Amino acid sequence: MAKSGTKEWKTRTKLVHEGSRRSQYGEMAEAIFLTQGFVYPDAESAEQRFIKAGEDEFIYARYGNPTTRMFEERIAALEGTEDAFATASGMAAVSGALMAMLRAGDHVVSARALFGSCLYVMEEVLQRFGVKVTFVDGADLAQWRAAVTPGTKAVFFESMSNPTLELVDIGGVAEIAHQAGALVIADNVFATPIFSRAVEQGADVVVYSTTKHIDGQGRALGGVVCASREFIRKTLEPYMKHTGGSMSPFTAWIMLNGMATLDLRVRASAAAAQKIAETLADWPQVGRVIYPGLASHPQHALAMAQMGNGGTLVTFEVVGGKVAAFAFCNALQIAKISNNLGDAKTIATHPATTTHQRLPQDQKDALGITPGLIRLSIGLEDVDDLIDDLAQALGRN
């Protein structure tokens, strides 16, 4: 939080200063505490710390570390939650948030449109351990109402789905879930912490893959769970520290450095994405363009109300199916073929054969993942250079 007695800091100030800890040396940059353990002045102090560690006391890096704690406090301040727990990857955050609170016999309602690994956790991991999972069309509030019952423990969704950029009405689903006493867990990676208002709209737990926009430069895996202090420290922390999914101090330092430019990067990428989406929509080589910032997107109004922006991802369909999509990808000169997103470099992904390859064809069809579908994660290159690159790759030059 901002220092007592000061005006509440705005986003960019929080991204640079929140959670800062300085040693006796008064270093300007955040320090990397590359230590797995900590020394106690005496046996009595060790005993007391294991009973209850103080606000700035640490036991073992799997439980917490000064560098990691800086990152957790900074992202919690940005997201508007009381606390956060940093994890080894985005999927460690997703699985940890769910597994820490669920047990055999519990019921979860989930949106059907999920990233492949999230779908695996829902279909395989949770149900293997006796958790019942009901899938719904995330955009259909009537299906949420029908599926959520007084016994439902949690609801889970990607606030913007991968790769077809379908939105879930966070406020609408939260109202349904809370009436039944269920927690709302939102994977908010596509919305980004910059455009997110998920907590204000009713989410109880917000999960990010920090590998994406927060790092933003393809350097390290990471994740984070943002929630109330009670959920983080009493529900999640015991599970994470005993199962070993916490973030390393070096990774936390990378994420801290990424956060300093997060607002600038995300807004620049989103502005470029808007221009690229508008341009692609006029090209005959493109069958359809999916971008929440376009008035043609069926949930454009929700996107503007929920995020105020269309985001950094543009999905479009190349006319000619897989053959044409592959030819397009192979002809790109600036954009790179990869399966990451939220990077400083523009990335082209063919979901049907990579990130969503293992989905049965009927599920691909239901989600709109066609052979010609391309997901573009827009980076920080000059937008006119990117448009020229897309044009030549589509054979327009």
Foldseek 3Di string as FASTA:
>chain_A
DPPPPDDQDDQLVLLQDWLADDDPVPDPAHDQPQDFADDDPDPVRVVVVVVPNDPPDDGGVLLHDSLLRSLFRSLLSLLVAATKFKFQALVCQLLLLVVLQDAAPAEEEEELQAFPSSVCCQPPVCVVRHYHYHYDNQQDLVRLLVRQALRHAAYEYACAGPPQRDGHQLLSSLVSQVVSPYAYEYADAQLPSQLAPNVVSRHAKYKYFCCAQLLQANDHGMMMIGHYPCCVPVRRSVSSSVVPGGHRSVVSSSSSVSSSCSNVWFVLLQVLVVVLQVVLCPDPQWDDKRWLCDPPHPCVVSCCVRRVGRGRKIKTFGPPFQVLQVLLQVQFDQEHDDDGANHQGKYKYQCCCPRPVPPPPVSCVVVVNTRRMIMIGGHNPDSVVVNVRSCVSNVND
